[in-house]
């Protein structure tokens, strides 16, 4: 019987999953993937094979109980019928925040779960659902090994200065510092760079993870040197519904003059700002680019402007730039955004190949460009599968 690893990525109303066959002589191989959406209201289910062909698609209606436990139970039942000669040996989870305690993937036990619960205030949009799914798997399959893989772990390589806020030392020592996120995505890109561009892999590279959640990371020889996100996943670039960098004085003003409280600020900053807030149209870049609304155009302009400014900042942190990499939903699929960014940072030595950019790369800079530019699809799920396999080997 072949061993298989289940990878889970839980959101507030969705549960994305992938199954990888574990092969001793190679990287784990994807066999199927899918998701359950609307898990708190009207759940729907879809599963596809590695080639994208639909294996199952249904409105679950009364077929599952609402919530993460119901979604987990349904998924494990479905997999039991579907996997046949494959045996699940572990579940690897994307967990957004590892705090100061977790700088590498870890096998989950009761103490780890308690520690993850304590980190919920640092990532209120994601962490509660990550933890809920781990608990749901434990309740349904208590003997199945579980591994938590952290979006913050990749950034623990940053020097102390890159992680520090200019706050009183006792607050820094209490854990208030820059953590950085999207680490599993950046780690995968770092993992792939040697096969694409050795100069980028060993030199100074900025990776732009541009999606509904967006951030950028400066890498020096494949290690995180600086990032745009900080203590929480709110900082840095404007995102789908998140504000990105903001003067803290604005928050004090809203508290004092607009009568807002902490929960009101949380709703504003996480759910009502970013591309949605500026445009008043949508949080989806595709909808903004298709819109004729002047405010939609302004939202796109602001998104590009902030990316360009942050590239300059990250290049300064690296002492120069050898490569720029675009990844994630917008980065991989929106040539117009890539073109606007590359043209604006031509002073860093990037000469865009317009045809290659339109075709999606992977290299989108010209052959004579002093600094190379690339489009590389990310694969956080494979990174989690690799980490899960490694964690099982350590504890075997």
Protein backbone atom coordinates (compact mmCIF):
# COMPACT_ATOMS: atom_id res chain seq x y z
CA UNK A 1 0.00 0.00 0.00
CA UNK A 2 1.32 3.46 -0.93
CA UNK A 3 1.69 6.14 1.74
CA UNK A 4 -0.11 9.44 1.14
CA UNK A 5 0.05 12.86 2.78
CA UNK A 6 -3.02 15.07 3.16
CA UNK A 7 -2.37 18.82 3.01
CA UNK A 8 -4.99 21.14 4.49
CA UNK A 9 -5.38 24.91 4.25
CA UNK A 10 -8.33 26.14 6.30
CA UNK A 11 -10.08 29.48 5.95
CA UNK A 12 -13.05 30.93 7.76
CA UNK A 13 -15.57 29.32 5.39
CA UNK A 14 -13.45 26.99 3.26
CA UNK A 15 -11.22 23.97 3.56
CA UNK A 16 -8.75 23.45 0.70
CA UNK A 17 -7.06 20.07 0.45
CA UNK A 18 -4.44 18.24 -1.57
CA UNK A 19 -3.26 14.64 -1.49
CA UNK A 20 0.32 13.71 -2.32
CA UNK A 21 1.71 10.22 -2.83
CA UNK A 22 4.91 9.91 -0.84
CA UNK A 23 7.81 8.61 -2.93
CA UNK A 24 11.10 7.79 -1.22
CA UNK A 25 13.23 8.61 -4.27
CA UNK A 26 11.54 11.86 -5.32
CA UNK A 27 9.34 14.73 -4.23
CA UNK A 28 5.79 13.86 -3.16
CA UNK A 29 3.49 13.63 -6.19
CA UNK A 30 0.12 15.39 -6.30
CA UNK A 31 -2.75 13.00 -7.02
CA UNK A 32 -5.82 15.11 -6.25
CA UNK A 33 -6.91 18.43 -4.82
CA UNK A 34 -10.08 20.35 -4.11
CA UNK A 35 -12.03 22.29 -1.55
CA UNK A 36 -15.16 22.54 0.52
CA UNK A 37 -16.62 26.05 0.46
CA UNK A 38 -19.45 27.62 2.43
CA UNK A 39 -18.77 25.32 5.37
CA UNK A 40 -20.73 27.55 7.76
CA UNK A 41 -23.71 28.11 5.48
CA UNK A 42 -24.36 26.08 2.32
CA UNK A 43 -21.38 23.79 1.75
CA UNK A 44 -20.25 22.78 -1.72
CA UNK A 45 -17.53 20.28 -2.63
CA UNK A 46 -15.24 19.88 -5.61
CA UNK A 47 -12.30 17.54 -6.19
CA UNK A 48 -9.97 17.32 -9.20
CA UNK A 49 -7.13 15.06 -10.22
CA UNK A 50 -3.57 16.26 -10.75
CA UNK A 51 -4.39 17.25 -14.32
CA UNK A 52 -7.37 19.36 -13.32
CA UNK A 53 -10.12 16.96 -14.40
CA UNK A 54 -13.16 17.05 -12.11
CA UNK A 55 -13.57 13.90 -10.02
CA UNK A 56 -16.50 15.04 -7.89
CA UNK A 57 -18.63 18.16 -7.59
CA UNK A 58 -21.71 18.58 -5.46
CA UNK A 59 -23.86 20.76 -3.27
CA UNK A 60 -23.52 18.98 0.06
CA UNK A 61 -26.76 20.31 1.50
CA UNK A 62 -27.55 18.01 4.42
CA UNK A 63 -24.68 15.62 3.62
CA UNK A 64 -22.42 17.21 6.23
CA UNK A 65 -22.67 19.09 9.47
CA UNK A 66 -21.68 22.77 9.19
CA UNK A 67 -18.33 23.89 10.51
CA UNK A 68 -14.76 22.65 10.32
CA UNK A 69 -15.56 19.39 12.10
CA UNK A 70 -18.30 18.58 9.62
CA UNK A 71 -16.09 19.49 6.66
CA UNK A 72 -13.25 17.37 8.01
CA UNK A 73 -15.51 14.38 8.64
CA UNK A 74 -16.95 14.59 5.13
CA UNK A 75 -13.52 14.94 3.54
CA UNK A 76 -11.98 12.01 5.42
CA UNK A 77 -15.00 9.83 4.57
CA UNK A 78 -14.69 10.76 0.90
CA UNK A 79 -10.94 10.12 0.87
CA UNK A 80 -11.40 6.73 2.53
CA UNK A 81 -13.59 5.68 -0.39
CA UNK A 82 -11.44 7.35 -3.04
CA UNK A 83 -7.84 6.57 -2.15
CA UNK A 84 -8.05 2.82 -2.63
CA UNK A 85 -4.46 1.55 -2.43
CA UNK A 86 -3.22 4.73 -0.77
CA UNK A 87 -2.97 5.01 3.00
CA UNK A 88 -3.01 8.40 4.73
CA UNK A 89 0.00 8.58 7.05
CA UNK A 90 -0.15 12.27 7.99
CA UNK A 91 -1.93 15.59 7.60
CA UNK A 92 0.16 18.70 7.03
CA UNK A 93 -1.44 22.05 7.85
CA UNK A 94 -0.73 25.58 6.75
CA UNK A 95 -0.65 27.62 9.97
CA UNK A 96 -0.26 31.33 9.49
CA UNK A 97 1.51 32.32 12.72
CA UNK A 98 4.25 30.50 14.59
CA UNK A 99 5.20 33.38 16.87
CA UNK A 100 8.65 33.29 18.47
CA UNK A 101 8.26 29.69 19.52
CA UNK A 102 8.04 27.94 16.15
CA UNK A 103 10.79 28.56 13.61
CA UNK A 104 10.30 25.24 11.77
CA UNK A 105 7.49 22.75 11.07
CA UNK A 106 6.46 20.76 14.12
CA UNK A 107 4.58 17.56 14.90
CA UNK A 108 1.36 18.56 16.64
CA UNK A 109 0.61 17.48 20.19
CA UNK A 110 -1.51 18.98 22.98
CA UNK A 111 1.19 21.45 24.04
CA UNK A 112 1.68 22.65 20.46
CA UNK A 113 -2.07 23.12 20.03
CA UNK A 114 -2.25 25.22 23.18
CA UNK A 115 0.63 27.36 21.93
CA UNK A 116 -1.11 27.89 18.58
CA UNK A 117 -4.28 28.97 20.37
CA UNK A 118 -2.28 31.64 22.22
CA UNK A 119 -1.19 33.09 18.88
CA UNK A 120 -4.76 33.70 17.65
CA UNK A 121 -4.68 37.44 18.53
CA UNK A 122 -1.69 37.87 16.19
CA UNK A 123 -3.55 36.46 13.17
CA UNK A 124 -7.30 36.70 13.91
CA UNK A 125 -8.26 36.32 10.25
CA UNK A 126 -6.55 32.94 9.81
CA UNK A 127 -5.21 31.30 12.97
CA UNK A 128 -8.55 30.32 14.57
CA UNK A 129 -9.52 28.32 11.47
CA UNK A 130 -6.10 26.69 11.17
CA UNK A 131 -6.38 25.52 14.77
CA UNK A 132 -10.02 24.45 14.40
CA UNK A 133 -9.12 22.14 11.52
CA UNK A 134 -6.23 20.55 13.42
CA UNK A 135 -8.62 19.85 16.29
CA UNK A 136 -11.23 18.49 13.88
CA UNK A 137 -8.74 16.03 12.37
CA UNK A 138 -7.61 14.95 15.84
CA UNK A 139 -11.22 14.32 16.89
CA UNK A 140 -11.97 12.25 13.81
CA UNK A 141 -8.61 10.48 13.33
CA UNK A 142 -6.70 10.66 16.62
CA UNK A 143 -3.97 8.31 15.42
CA UNK A 144 -3.18 10.28 12.26
CA UNK A 145 0.06 12.25 12.60
CA UNK A 146 -0.38 16.00 12.10
CA UNK A 147 2.31 18.55 11.24
CA UNK A 148 1.95 22.33 11.50
CA UNK A 149 3.85 24.31 8.85
CA UNK A 150 4.19 28.02 9.51
CA UNK A 151 3.99 31.03 7.19
CA UNK A 152 6.27 32.93 9.59
CA UNK A 153 9.05 30.34 9.86
CA UNK A 154 10.96 31.29 6.67
CA UNK A 155 11.46 34.83 7.96
CA UNK A 156 13.15 33.81 11.23
CA UNK A 157 16.42 33.94 9.24
CA UNK A 158 16.16 37.75 9.09
CA UNK A 159 18.76 39.71 11.09
CA UNK A 160 17.50 41.21 14.36
CA UNK A 161 17.50 44.75 12.94
CA UNK A 162 15.07 43.71 10.19
CA UNK A 163 12.70 42.32 12.79
CA UNK A 164 12.76 45.22 15.23
CA UNK A 165 10.29 48.01 15.87
CA UNK A 166 11.52 51.18 17.61
CA UNK A 167 9.51 50.40 20.74
CA UNK A 168 10.55 50.12 24.40
CA UNK A 169 12.73 47.06 24.87
CA UNK A 170 10.33 45.32 27.24
CA UNK A 171 7.70 45.26 24.47
CA UNK A 172 10.19 43.84 21.98
CA UNK A 173 11.15 41.16 24.48
CA UNK A 174 7.43 40.38 24.91
CA UNK A 175 7.30 39.40 21.25
CA UNK A 176 6.21 42.56 19.47
CA UNK A 177 8.39 42.48 16.36
CA UNK A 178 8.22 41.94 12.61
CA UNK A 179 7.40 38.31 11.81
CA UNK A 180 6.63 38.36 8.08
CA UNK A 181 4.19 36.02 6.31
CA UNK A 182 3.67 34.03 3.09
CA UNK A 183 6.80 32.18 4.14
CA UNK A 184 5.75 28.85 2.64
CA UNK A 185 5.36 30.54 -0.74
CA UNK A 186 8.73 32.28 -0.47
CA UNK A 187 10.38 29.09 0.68
CA UNK A 188 9.07 27.26 -2.38
CA UNK A 189 10.40 29.98 -4.71
CA UNK A 190 13.79 29.81 -2.96
CA UNK A 191 13.66 26.03 -3.38
CA UNK A 192 13.05 26.40 -7.13
CA UNK A 193 15.41 29.28 -7.97
CA UNK A 194 18.59 27.17 -8.41
CA UNK A 195 16.93 25.30 -11.28
CA UNK A 196 15.84 28.58 -12.92
CA UNK A 197 18.51 31.20 -12.31
CA UNK A 198 21.59 30.45 -10.21
CA UNK A 199 22.47 34.13 -9.98
CA UNK A 200 19.08 34.84 -8.43
CA UNK A 201 19.39 31.81 -6.13
CA UNK A 202 22.77 32.87 -4.76
CA UNK A 203 22.36 36.62 -5.00
CA UNK A 204 19.94 39.46 -4.20
CA UNK A 205 16.36 38.68 -5.15
CA UNK A 206 13.03 40.35 -4.40
CA UNK A 207 9.99 38.07 -4.61
CA UNK A 208 6.54 39.65 -5.02
CA UNK A 209 3.75 37.39 -3.74
CA UNK A 210 0.80 39.26 -5.21
CA UNK A 211 -2.70 37.97 -4.58
CA UNK A 212 -5.71 38.80 -2.44
CA UNK A 213 -3.11 38.74 0.31
CA UNK A 214 0.03 40.46 -0.94
CA UNK A 215 3.54 40.89 0.35
CA UNK A 216 7.15 41.04 -0.80
CA UNK A 217 10.33 39.46 0.48
CA UNK A 218 13.99 40.36 0.01
CA UNK A 219 16.11 37.21 -0.26
CA UNK A 220 19.87 37.02 0.09
CA UNK A 221 21.20 33.68 -1.18
CA UNK A 222 17.75 32.15 -0.78
CA UNK A 223 17.23 33.32 2.82
CA UNK A 224 14.76 35.94 4.00
CA UNK A 225 16.51 39.25 4.68
CA UNK A 226 13.50 41.60 4.93
CA UNK A 227 9.76 41.55 4.26
CA UNK A 228 6.90 43.99 3.84
CA UNK A 229 4.59 42.31 6.34
CA UNK A 230 5.35 42.77 10.01
CA UNK A 231 3.74 41.90 13.34
CA UNK A 232 0.54 40.89 11.56
CA UNK A 233 -0.52 40.20 7.97
CA UNK A 234 -1.89 43.76 7.73
CA UNK A 235 1.35 45.58 6.99
CA UNK A 236 3.02 46.46 3.71
CA UNK A 237 1.17 46.41 0.39
CA UNK A 238 -2.53 47.19 -0.08
CA UNK A 239 -4.38 43.89 -0.47
CA UNK A 240 -7.83 42.72 -1.48
CA UNK A 241 -9.52 44.01 1.67
CA UNK A 242 -6.53 44.80 3.92
CA UNK A 243 -5.06 48.29 4.12
CA UNK A 244 -1.33 47.60 4.13
CA UNK A 245 1.02 50.14 5.69
CA UNK A 246 -0.74 52.93 7.56
CA UNK A 247 0.35 55.72 9.90
CA UNK A 248 -0.42 54.50 13.46
CA UNK A 249 -1.63 58.03 14.16
CA UNK A 250 -4.59 57.36 11.87
CA UNK A 251 -5.69 54.59 14.22
CA UNK A 252 -5.42 56.86 17.25
CA UNK A 253 -7.44 59.49 15.39
CA UNK A 254 -10.17 56.95 14.54
CA UNK A 255 -10.31 55.87 18.18
CA UNK A 256 -10.48 59.43 19.50
CA UNK A 257 -12.54 61.24 16.87
CA UNK A 258 -14.69 58.58 15.22
CA UNK A 259 -15.59 56.59 18.32
CA UNK A 260 -14.21 53.34 16.96
CA UNK A 261 -13.12 50.51 19.23
CA UNK A 262 -10.64 47.69 18.65
CA UNK A 263 -13.19 45.44 16.94
CA UNK A 264 -14.32 48.27 14.71
CA UNK A 265 -10.73 48.93 13.69
CA UNK A 266 -10.21 45.24 13.04
CA UNK A 267 -13.20 45.13 10.71
CA UNK A 268 -12.06 48.29 8.91
CA UNK A 269 -8.45 47.23 8.43
CA UNK A 270 -8.98 43.56 7.58
CA UNK A 271 -12.28 43.54 5.70
CA UNK A 272 -13.20 47.01 4.37
CA UNK A 273 -9.94 48.52 3.12
CA UNK A 274 -7.37 47.69 0.43
CA UNK A 275 -8.51 47.42 -3.19
CA UNK A 276 -12.13 47.12 -2.08
CA UNK A 277 -12.03 50.19 0.11
CA UNK A 278 -10.25 52.43 -2.40
CA UNK A 279 -12.29 51.32 -5.41
CA UNK A 280 -15.71 50.82 -3.83
CA UNK A 281 -16.08 48.24 -6.60
CA UNK A 282 -14.33 44.99 -5.79
CA UNK A 283 -11.40 43.33 -4.03
CA UNK A 284 -10.69 41.29 -7.17
CA UNK A 285 -7.96 42.66 -9.45
CA UNK A 286 -9.66 41.13 -12.50
CA UNK A 287 -12.85 43.06 -11.81
CA UNK A 288 -10.92 46.30 -11.24
CA UNK A 289 -8.99 46.00 -14.50
CA UNK A 290 -12.24 45.31 -16.38
CA UNK A 291 -14.05 48.23 -14.77
CA UNK A 292 -14.33 51.69 -16.26
CA UNK A 293 -14.80 53.24 -12.84
CA UNK A 294 -12.24 55.95 -12.03
CA UNK A 295 -11.92 54.71 -8.46
CA UNK A 296 -11.18 51.19 -9.67
CA UNK A 297 -8.31 52.63 -11.72
CA UNK A 298 -7.11 54.55 -8.67
CA UNK A 299 -7.04 51.35 -6.62
CA UNK A 300 -4.88 49.65 -9.26
CA UNK A 301 -2.60 52.68 -9.44
CA UNK A 302 -2.12 52.65 -5.67
CA UNK A 303 -1.38 48.91 -5.67
CA UNK A 304 1.34 49.35 -8.32
CA UNK A 305 2.75 52.46 -6.65
CA UNK A 306 3.17 50.69 -3.33
CA UNK A 307 4.81 47.67 -4.98
CA UNK A 308 7.30 49.94 -6.73
CA UNK A 309 8.15 51.82 -3.52
CA UNK A 310 8.64 48.58 -1.59
CA UNK A 311 10.91 47.14 -4.29
CA UNK A 312 13.16 50.17 -3.80
CA UNK A 313 13.14 49.67 -0.04
CA UNK A 314 13.90 45.95 -0.28
CA UNK A 315 16.64 46.50 -2.86
CA UNK A 316 18.21 48.98 -0.45
CA UNK A 317 18.09 46.37 2.32
CA UNK A 318 19.90 43.95 -0.01
CA UNK A 319 22.44 46.50 -1.25
CA UNK A 320 21.30 46.04 -4.85
CA UNK A 321 19.17 43.73 -6.94
CA UNK A 322 19.96 40.74 -9.16
CA UNK A 323 16.44 39.43 -9.81
CA UNK A 324 12.75 40.18 -9.36
CA UNK A 325 10.23 37.32 -9.17
CA UNK A 326 6.44 37.59 -9.48
CA UNK A 327 4.27 34.85 -7.99
CA UNK A 328 0.77 34.06 -6.62
CA UNK A 329 -2.58 34.84 -8.27
CA UNK A 330 -2.02 38.40 -9.50
CA UNK A 331 1.72 37.98 -9.93
CA UNK A 332 1.35 34.88 -12.07
CA UNK A 333 -1.71 35.86 -14.13
CA UNK A 334 -1.73 39.61 -14.70
CA UNK A 335 0.79 40.75 -17.33
CA UNK A 336 -0.38 44.37 -17.10
CA UNK A 337 0.56 44.67 -13.43
CA UNK A 338 3.94 43.01 -14.04
CA UNK A 339 4.64 45.33 -16.97
CA UNK A 340 3.78 48.48 -15.01
CA UNK A 341 5.97 47.41 -12.11
CA UNK A 342 8.95 46.44 -14.29
CA UNK A 343 8.81 49.69 -16.26
CA UNK A 344 8.72 51.72 -13.04
CA UNK A 345 11.82 49.96 -11.66
CA UNK A 346 13.80 50.05 -14.88
CA UNK A 347 16.35 52.16 -12.94
CA UNK A 348 17.26 48.95 -11.07
CA UNK A 349 18.41 47.40 -14.33
CA UNK A 350 15.25 45.59 -15.46
CA UNK A 351 14.55 45.67 -19.18
CA UNK A 352 11.14 44.11 -19.84
CA UNK A 353 10.61 41.68 -22.71
CA UNK A 354 7.05 42.68 -23.63
CA UNK A 355 6.33 39.51 -25.64
CA UNK A 356 7.66 37.16 -22.96
CA UNK A 357 5.64 39.00 -20.31
CA UNK A 358 2.45 38.67 -22.36
CA UNK A 359 3.16 34.94 -22.78
CA UNK A 360 3.71 34.48 -19.02
CA UNK A 361 7.45 33.89 -18.99
CA UNK A 362 9.01 32.30 -17.07
CA UNK A 363 11.70 34.90 -17.86
CA UNK A 364 10.12 38.24 -18.69
CA UNK A 365 13.26 40.36 -18.90
CA UNK A 366 15.33 40.72 -22.05
CA UNK A 367 18.51 38.71 -22.61
CA UNK A 368 20.62 41.82 -22.04
CA UNK A 369 18.77 42.99 -18.91
CA UNK A 370 21.24 43.61 -16.09
CA UNK A 371 18.63 42.48 -13.56
CA UNK A 372 16.45 39.51 -14.49
CA UNK A 373 12.69 39.32 -13.98
CA UNK A 374 10.69 36.11 -13.70
CA UNK A 375 7.19 34.68 -13.32
CA UNK A 376 7.32 31.54 -11.16
CA UNK A 377 4.17 29.71 -9.96
CA UNK A 378 4.25 29.09 -6.25
CA UNK A 379 3.33 25.76 -4.66
CA UNK A 380 2.75 26.08 -0.93
CA UNK A 381 0.98 22.69 -0.85
CA UNK A 382 4.06 20.83 -2.09
CA UNK A 383 6.20 22.69 0.44
CA UNK A 384 3.86 21.55 3.22
CA UNK A 385 4.00 17.95 1.92
CA UNK A 386 7.81 18.07 1.92
CA UNK A 387 7.88 19.45 5.47
CA UNK A 388 5.36 16.88 6.64
CA UNK A 389 7.40 14.02 5.22
CA UNK A 390 10.55 15.37 6.85
CA UNK A 391 8.82 15.74 10.23
CA UNK A 392 7.61 12.14 10.08
CA UNK A 393 11.13 10.94 9.31
CA UNK A 394 12.53 12.82 12.31
CA UNK A 395 9.97 11.36 14.72
CA UNK A 396 9.97 7.85 13.25
